[in-house]
Amino acid sequence: MSNPKLEPRPSARTGPVLGLKATAKVINKTTPQPKPRPGPRPNQKLEIELKLERARARAKARARARARARARTRARARARARARARARARARARARVRVRVRVRARARARARARARARARARARA
């Protein structure tokens, strides 16, 4: 250590003997500082973990919302299908009724025609 600033030893060049305080100062300046460990500080670590946790929670919430939306869509589709089926059934029932009415009307017409024919025959006889 040939640097005179770091050597608190009396010599003609540096002047009077440095006091204890000065010595301490010099020593403090020259002692190597302990290097911090690589990587984030412990409190930073906590913060990072918190951030991750929050992100995870957000992702989960988003997934849940998506699932809910999907369920809603499916439910709507199902309801629509049910309504369509109901409408179809109603239409079919109506058609059946119409057919029955037509059949009955035809039968009645036939009966009337027969009655008329009989009346005519009786009139002729």
N, C-alpha and C. Protein backbone atom coordinates (compact mmCIF):
# COMPACT_ATOMS: atom_id res chain seq x y z
N MET A 1 0.85 -1.19 0.00
CA MET A 1 0.00 0.00 0.00
C MET A 1 0.88 1.23 0.00
N SER A 2 1.22 1.69 -1.18
CA SER A 2 2.13 2.84 -1.27
C SER A 2 1.36 4.14 -1.41
N ASN A 3 0.05 4.06 -1.29
CA ASN A 3 -0.73 5.29 -1.40
C ASN A 3 -0.66 6.02 -0.07
N PRO A 4 -0.05 7.19 -0.03
CA PRO A 4 0.12 7.88 1.26
C PRO A 4 -1.20 8.29 1.90
N LYS A 5 -2.27 8.48 1.07
CA LYS A 5 -3.56 8.89 1.65
C LYS A 5 -4.12 7.80 2.55
N LEU A 6 -3.83 6.55 2.21
CA LEU A 6 -4.40 5.45 2.96
C LEU A 6 -3.50 5.02 4.12
N GLU A 7 -2.38 5.64 4.27
CA GLU A 7 -1.48 5.21 5.33
C GLU A 7 -1.41 6.26 6.41
N PRO A 8 -2.15 6.10 7.49
CA PRO A 8 -2.10 7.08 8.57
C PRO A 8 -0.84 6.90 9.43
N ARG A 9 0.32 6.95 8.76
CA ARG A 9 1.57 6.84 9.49
C ARG A 9 2.30 8.17 9.40
N PRO A 10 2.96 8.59 10.48
CA PRO A 10 3.66 9.89 10.41
C PRO A 10 4.82 9.82 9.44
N SER A 11 4.92 10.85 8.65
CA SER A 11 6.08 10.94 7.77
C SER A 11 6.25 12.40 7.44
N ALA A 12 7.39 12.78 7.04
CA ALA A 12 7.69 14.18 6.77
C ALA A 12 6.72 14.73 5.73
N ARG A 13 6.28 13.85 4.77
CA ARG A 13 5.44 14.36 3.69
C ARG A 13 4.02 14.65 4.19
N THR A 14 3.42 13.70 4.89
CA THR A 14 2.00 13.83 5.18
C THR A 14 1.73 14.73 6.36
N GLY A 15 2.73 15.11 7.10
CA GLY A 15 2.49 16.02 8.20
C GLY A 15 2.27 15.28 9.49
N PRO A 16 1.43 15.84 10.40
CA PRO A 16 1.29 15.28 11.75
C PRO A 16 0.63 13.91 11.71
N VAL A 17 0.71 13.20 12.80
CA VAL A 17 0.07 11.90 12.93
C VAL A 17 -1.44 12.11 12.84
N LEU A 18 -2.06 11.29 12.03
CA LEU A 18 -3.52 11.41 11.93
C LEU A 18 -4.14 10.89 13.21
N GLY A 19 -5.23 11.53 13.62
CA GLY A 19 -5.90 11.09 14.84
C GLY A 19 -6.67 9.79 14.59
N LEU A 20 -7.22 9.28 15.70
CA LEU A 20 -7.97 8.03 15.59
C LEU A 20 -9.16 8.18 14.65
N LYS A 21 -9.86 9.34 14.78
CA LYS A 21 -11.04 9.55 13.95
C LYS A 21 -10.67 9.49 12.47
N ALA A 22 -9.59 10.18 12.14
CA ALA A 22 -9.15 10.20 10.75
C ALA A 22 -8.80 8.79 10.31
N THR A 23 -8.13 8.05 11.19
CA THR A 23 -7.76 6.67 10.87
C THR A 23 -9.02 5.87 10.56
N ALA A 24 -10.02 6.02 11.46
CA ALA A 24 -11.27 5.29 11.26
C ALA A 24 -11.87 5.64 9.92
N LYS A 25 -11.84 6.96 9.59
CA LYS A 25 -12.41 7.40 8.32
C LYS A 25 -11.72 6.72 7.16
N VAL A 26 -10.38 6.73 7.22
CA VAL A 26 -9.61 6.13 6.13
C VAL A 26 -9.93 4.66 6.02
N ILE A 27 -9.97 3.98 7.19
CA ILE A 27 -10.24 2.54 7.18
C ILE A 27 -11.62 2.30 6.59
N ASN A 28 -12.61 3.10 7.03
CA ASN A 28 -13.98 2.93 6.51
C ASN A 28 -14.02 3.12 5.00
N LYS A 29 -13.21 4.09 4.53
CA LYS A 29 -13.20 4.32 3.09
C LYS A 29 -12.60 3.14 2.34
N THR A 30 -11.61 2.49 2.96
CA THR A 30 -10.86 1.50 2.21
C THR A 30 -11.39 0.08 2.39
N THR A 31 -12.16 -0.19 3.49
CA THR A 31 -12.63 -1.57 3.67
C THR A 31 -13.62 -1.88 2.57
N PRO A 32 -13.50 -3.07 1.94
CA PRO A 32 -14.42 -3.40 0.85
C PRO A 32 -15.83 -3.56 1.38
N GLN A 33 -16.77 -2.98 0.65
CA GLN A 33 -18.18 -3.09 1.04
C GLN A 33 -18.66 -4.50 0.72
N PRO A 34 -19.51 -5.09 1.59
CA PRO A 34 -20.03 -6.42 1.26
C PRO A 34 -20.97 -6.31 0.06
N LYS A 35 -20.73 -7.18 -0.91
CA LYS A 35 -21.57 -7.18 -2.12
C LYS A 35 -22.95 -7.73 -1.77
N PRO A 36 -24.01 -7.07 -2.22
CA PRO A 36 -25.34 -7.65 -1.97
C PRO A 36 -25.51 -8.91 -2.80
N ARG A 37 -26.33 -9.82 -2.31
CA ARG A 37 -26.58 -11.06 -3.04
C ARG A 37 -27.25 -10.73 -4.37
N PRO A 38 -26.92 -11.48 -5.41
CA PRO A 38 -27.62 -11.23 -6.67
C PRO A 38 -29.09 -11.58 -6.54
N GLY A 39 -29.87 -11.05 -7.45
CA GLY A 39 -31.31 -11.32 -7.40
C GLY A 39 -32.03 -10.24 -6.61
N PRO A 40 -33.35 -10.29 -6.62
CA PRO A 40 -34.13 -9.24 -5.94
C PRO A 40 -33.98 -9.30 -4.43
N ARG A 41 -34.20 -8.13 -3.79
CA ARG A 41 -34.17 -8.06 -2.33
C ARG A 41 -35.34 -8.87 -1.77
N PRO A 42 -35.25 -9.28 -0.49
CA PRO A 42 -36.35 -10.06 0.10
C PRO A 42 -37.70 -9.36 0.00
N ASN A 43 -37.72 -8.04 0.33
CA ASN A 43 -39.02 -7.34 0.27
C ASN A 43 -39.51 -7.25 -1.18
N GLN A 44 -38.54 -7.08 -2.10
CA GLN A 44 -38.92 -7.08 -3.52
C GLN A 44 -39.51 -8.43 -3.91
N LYS A 45 -38.88 -9.49 -3.36
CA LYS A 45 -39.36 -10.84 -3.65
C LYS A 45 -40.83 -10.95 -3.26
N LEU A 46 -41.13 -10.45 -2.06
CA LEU A 46 -42.51 -10.49 -1.57
C LEU A 46 -43.43 -9.77 -2.55
N GLU A 47 -42.97 -8.57 -2.96
CA GLU A 47 -43.81 -7.78 -3.86
C GLU A 47 -44.05 -8.52 -5.17
N ILE A 48 -42.97 -9.15 -5.68
CA ILE A 48 -43.10 -9.89 -6.94
C ILE A 48 -44.11 -11.02 -6.77
N GLU A 49 -43.98 -11.73 -5.63
CA GLU A 49 -44.92 -12.83 -5.37
C GLU A 49 -46.36 -12.32 -5.34
N LEU A 50 -46.53 -11.17 -4.65
CA LEU A 50 -47.88 -10.59 -4.56
C LEU A 50 -48.42 -10.28 -5.95
N LYS A 51 -47.51 -9.66 -6.76
CA LYS A 51 -47.94 -9.29 -8.10
C LYS A 51 -48.37 -10.53 -8.88
N LEU A 52 -47.54 -11.60 -8.78
CA LEU A 52 -47.87 -12.85 -9.47
C LEU A 52 -49.21 -13.38 -9.01
N GLU A 53 -49.38 -13.35 -7.68
CA GLU A 53 -50.63 -13.87 -7.11
C GLU A 53 -51.83 -13.10 -7.67
N ARG A 54 -51.66 -11.76 -7.70
CA ARG A 54 -52.75 -10.93 -8.21
C ARG A 54 -53.04 -11.26 -9.67
N ALA A 55 -51.95 -11.42 -10.43
CA ALA A 55 -52.11 -11.74 -11.86
C ALA A 55 -52.86 -13.06 -12.01
N ARG A 56 -52.45 -14.03 -11.16
CA ARG A 56 -53.09 -15.35 -11.22
C ARG A 56 -54.58 -15.22 -10.91
N ALA A 57 -54.87 -14.45 -9.87
CA ALA A 57 -56.28 -14.26 -9.46
C ALA A 57 -57.06 -13.63 -10.62
N ARG A 58 -56.42 -12.63 -11.26
CA ARG A 58 -57.10 -11.96 -12.37
C ARG A 58 -57.38 -12.94 -13.49
N ALA A 59 -56.37 -13.77 -13.80
CA ALA A 59 -56.53 -14.76 -14.87
C ALA A 59 -57.69 -15.70 -14.54
N LYS A 60 -57.71 -16.13 -13.26
CA LYS A 60 -58.76 -17.05 -12.83
C LYS A 60 -60.13 -16.39 -13.00
N ALA A 61 -60.22 -15.12 -12.57
CA ALA A 61 -61.49 -14.40 -12.67
C ALA A 61 -61.92 -14.30 -14.14
N ARG A 62 -60.90 -14.00 -14.99
CA ARG A 62 -61.22 -13.88 -16.41
C ARG A 62 -61.74 -15.20 -16.95
N ALA A 63 -61.07 -16.30 -16.56
CA ALA A 63 -61.50 -17.63 -17.02
C ALA A 63 -62.92 -17.91 -16.56
N ARG A 64 -63.18 -17.52 -15.28
CA ARG A 64 -64.52 -17.77 -14.74
C ARG A 64 -65.56 -16.98 -15.54
N ALA A 65 -65.23 -15.72 -15.84
CA ALA A 65 -66.16 -14.88 -16.60
C ALA A 65 -66.41 -15.49 -17.97
N ARG A 66 -65.29 -15.99 -18.59
CA ARG A 66 -65.44 -16.60 -19.91
C ARG A 66 -66.36 -17.81 -19.84
N ALA A 67 -66.14 -18.64 -18.79
CA ALA A 67 -66.97 -19.85 -18.62
C ALA A 67 -68.43 -19.45 -18.46
N ARG A 68 -68.64 -18.38 -17.64
CA ARG A 68 -70.02 -17.94 -17.41
C ARG A 68 -70.66 -17.49 -18.72
N ALA A 69 -69.89 -16.73 -19.51
CA ALA A 69 -70.42 -16.25 -20.79
C ALA A 69 -70.78 -17.43 -21.69
N ARG A 70 -69.85 -18.43 -21.70
CA ARG A 70 -70.09 -19.60 -22.54
C ARG A 70 -71.38 -20.30 -22.10
N ALA A 71 -71.52 -20.45 -20.77
CA ALA A 71 -72.71 -21.13 -20.22
C ALA A 71 -73.96 -20.36 -20.63
N ARG A 72 -73.86 -19.00 -20.54
CA ARG A 72 -75.02 -18.19 -20.88
C ARG A 72 -75.39 -18.40 -22.35
N THR A 73 -74.37 -18.39 -23.21
CA THR A 73 -74.62 -18.58 -24.64
C THR A 73 -75.31 -19.92 -24.87
N ARG A 74 -74.72 -20.96 -24.21
CA ARG A 74 -75.29 -22.31 -24.40
C ARG A 74 -76.75 -22.34 -23.94
N ALA A 75 -77.00 -21.72 -22.77
CA ALA A 75 -78.36 -21.73 -22.22
C ALA A 75 -79.31 -21.05 -23.20
N ARG A 76 -78.83 -19.91 -23.76
CA ARG A 76 -79.68 -19.18 -24.70
C ARG A 76 -80.00 -20.05 -25.91
N ALA A 77 -78.97 -20.72 -26.42
CA ALA A 77 -79.15 -21.58 -27.60
C ALA A 77 -80.16 -22.68 -27.27
N ARG A 78 -79.98 -23.26 -26.05
CA ARG A 78 -80.88 -24.35 -25.66
C ARG A 78 -82.32 -23.83 -25.59
N ALA A 79 -82.49 -22.65 -24.98
CA ALA A 79 -83.84 -22.08 -24.85
C ALA A 79 -84.45 -21.87 -26.24
N ARG A 80 -83.59 -21.34 -27.16
CA ARG A 80 -84.09 -21.10 -28.51
C ARG A 80 -84.54 -22.41 -29.16
N ALA A 81 -83.71 -23.45 -29.00
CA ALA A 81 -84.03 -24.75 -29.59
C ALA A 81 -85.35 -25.26 -29.01
N ARG A 82 -85.49 -25.09 -27.67
CA ARG A 82 -86.71 -25.57 -27.03
C ARG A 82 -87.93 -24.83 -27.59
N ALA A 83 -87.78 -23.50 -27.73
CA ALA A 83 -88.89 -22.70 -28.24
C ALA A 83 -89.26 -23.16 -29.65
N ARG A 84 -88.18 -23.42 -30.46
CA ARG A 84 -88.42 -23.86 -31.84
C ARG A 84 -89.19 -25.19 -31.84
N ALA A 85 -88.74 -26.11 -30.97
CA ALA A 85 -89.39 -27.43 -30.90
C ALA A 85 -90.86 -27.26 -30.52
N ARG A 86 -91.08 -26.37 -29.52
CA ARG A 86 -92.46 -26.15 -29.07
C ARG A 86 -93.31 -25.61 -30.21
N ALA A 87 -92.76 -24.63 -30.94
CA ALA A 87 -93.50 -24.04 -32.06
C ALA A 87 -93.83 -25.11 -33.10
N ARG A 88 -92.80 -25.98 -33.37
CA ARG A 88 -93.02 -27.03 -34.36
C ARG A 88 -94.15 -27.96 -33.92
N ALA A 89 -94.11 -28.33 -32.62
CA ALA A 89 -95.14 -29.23 -32.09
C ALA A 89 -96.52 -28.59 -32.24
N ARG A 90 -96.58 -27.28 -31.90
CA ARG A 90 -97.86 -26.57 -31.99
C ARG A 90 -98.37 -26.58 -33.42
N ALA A 91 -97.44 -26.29 -34.36
CA ALA A 91 -97.83 -26.26 -35.78
C ALA A 91 -98.36 -27.62 -36.20
N ARG A 92 -97.65 -28.69 -35.75
CA ARG A 92 -98.07 -30.03 -36.12
C ARG A 92 -99.48 -30.30 -35.59
N ALA A 93 -99.71 -29.91 -34.32
CA ALA A 93 -101.03 -30.14 -33.71
C ALA A 93 -102.10 -29.41 -34.52
N ARG A 94 -101.77 -28.16 -34.89
CA ARG A 94 -102.74 -27.37 -35.64
C ARG A 94 -103.06 -28.04 -36.98
N ALA A 95 -102.00 -28.53 -37.63
CA ALA A 95 -102.18 -29.20 -38.92
C ALA A 95 -103.09 -30.41 -38.75
N ARG A 96 -102.83 -31.18 -37.65
CA ARG A 96 -103.65 -32.37 -37.41
C ARG A 96 -105.12 -31.96 -37.27
N VAL A 97 -105.34 -30.89 -36.48
CA VAL A 97 -106.72 -30.42 -36.27
C VAL A 97 -107.35 -30.06 -37.61
N ARG A 98 -106.55 -29.35 -38.45
CA ARG A 98 -107.07 -28.93 -39.74
C ARG A 98 -107.47 -30.14 -40.58
N VAL A 99 -106.60 -31.15 -40.56
CA VAL A 99 -106.89 -32.37 -41.34
C VAL A 99 -108.18 -32.99 -40.85
N ARG A 100 -108.31 -33.09 -39.50
CA ARG A 100 -109.52 -33.71 -38.93
C ARG A 100 -110.76 -32.93 -39.39
N VAL A 101 -110.66 -31.60 -39.31
CA VAL A 101 -111.81 -30.76 -39.69
C VAL A 101 -112.17 -31.04 -41.15
N ARG A 102 -111.11 -31.10 -41.99
CA ARG A 102 -111.37 -31.33 -43.42
C ARG A 102 -112.06 -32.68 -43.64
N VAL A 103 -111.53 -33.70 -42.95
CA VAL A 103 -112.10 -35.06 -43.09
C VAL A 103 -113.57 -35.03 -42.69
N ARG A 104 -113.83 -34.39 -41.53
CA ARG A 104 -115.22 -34.35 -41.05
C ARG A 104 -116.12 -33.63 -42.06
N ALA A 105 -115.61 -32.51 -42.59
CA ALA A 105 -116.41 -31.74 -43.55
C ALA A 105 -116.73 -32.60 -44.76
N ARG A 106 -115.69 -33.34 -45.23
CA ARG A 106 -115.91 -34.19 -46.40
C ARG A 106 -116.98 -35.24 -46.09
N ALA A 107 -116.87 -35.85 -44.90
CA ALA A 107 -117.84 -36.88 -44.50
C ALA A 107 -119.24 -36.29 -44.49
N ARG A 108 -119.34 -35.08 -43.92
CA ARG A 108 -120.66 -34.44 -43.84
C ARG A 108 -121.22 -34.19 -45.24
N ALA A 109 -120.33 -33.69 -46.11
CA ALA A 109 -120.76 -33.40 -47.49
C ALA A 109 -121.28 -34.68 -48.15
N ARG A 110 -120.51 -35.77 -47.93
CA ARG A 110 -120.92 -37.05 -48.52
C ARG A 110 -122.29 -37.47 -47.99
N ALA A 111 -122.46 -37.34 -46.67
CA ALA A 111 -123.74 -37.73 -46.05
C ALA A 111 -124.87 -36.90 -46.65
N ARG A 112 -124.60 -35.59 -46.82
CA ARG A 112 -125.63 -34.71 -47.37
C ARG A 112 -126.00 -35.15 -48.79
N ALA A 113 -124.95 -35.43 -49.56
CA ALA A 113 -125.18 -35.85 -50.95
C ALA A 113 -126.03 -37.12 -50.96
N ARG A 114 -125.67 -38.07 -50.05
CA ARG A 114 -126.41 -39.33 -50.00
C ARG A 114 -127.88 -39.05 -49.66
N ALA A 115 -128.08 -38.18 -48.68
CA ALA A 115 -129.45 -37.86 -48.25
C ALA A 115 -130.23 -37.25 -49.41
N ARG A 116 -129.55 -36.35 -50.14
CA ARG A 116 -130.21 -35.72 -51.28
C ARG A 116 -130.61 -36.76 -52.32
N ALA A 117 -129.66 -37.65 -52.58
CA ALA A 117 -129.92 -38.70 -53.58
C ALA A 117 -131.12 -39.54 -53.15
N ARG A 118 -131.14 -39.89 -51.83
CA ARG A 118 -132.24 -40.70 -51.32
C ARG A 118 -133.58 -39.95 -51.50
N ALA A 119 -133.55 -38.65 -51.17
CA ALA A 119 -134.78 -37.85 -51.28
C ALA A 119 -135.26 -37.83 -52.74
N ARG A 120 -134.28 -37.67 -53.65
CA ARG A 120 -134.63 -37.63 -55.06
C ARG A 120 -135.28 -38.95 -55.49
N ALA A 121 -134.66 -40.04 -55.03
CA ALA A 121 -135.17 -41.37 -55.40
C ALA A 121 -136.60 -41.54 -54.87
N ARG A 122 -136.78 -41.05 -53.61
CA ARG A 122 -138.10 -41.17 -53.02
C ARG A 122 -139.11 -40.34 -53.82
N ALA A 123 -138.69 -39.15 -54.23
CA ALA A 123 -139.59 -38.27 -54.99
C ALA A 123 -139.96 -38.93 -56.32
N ARG A 124 -138.95 -39.59 -56.92
CA ARG A 124 -139.22 -40.25 -58.19
C ARG A 124 -140.22 -41.41 -58.00
N ALA A 125 -140.01 -42.13 -56.90
CA ALA A 125 -140.83 -43.32 -56.69
C ALA A 125 -142.28 -42.96 -56.40
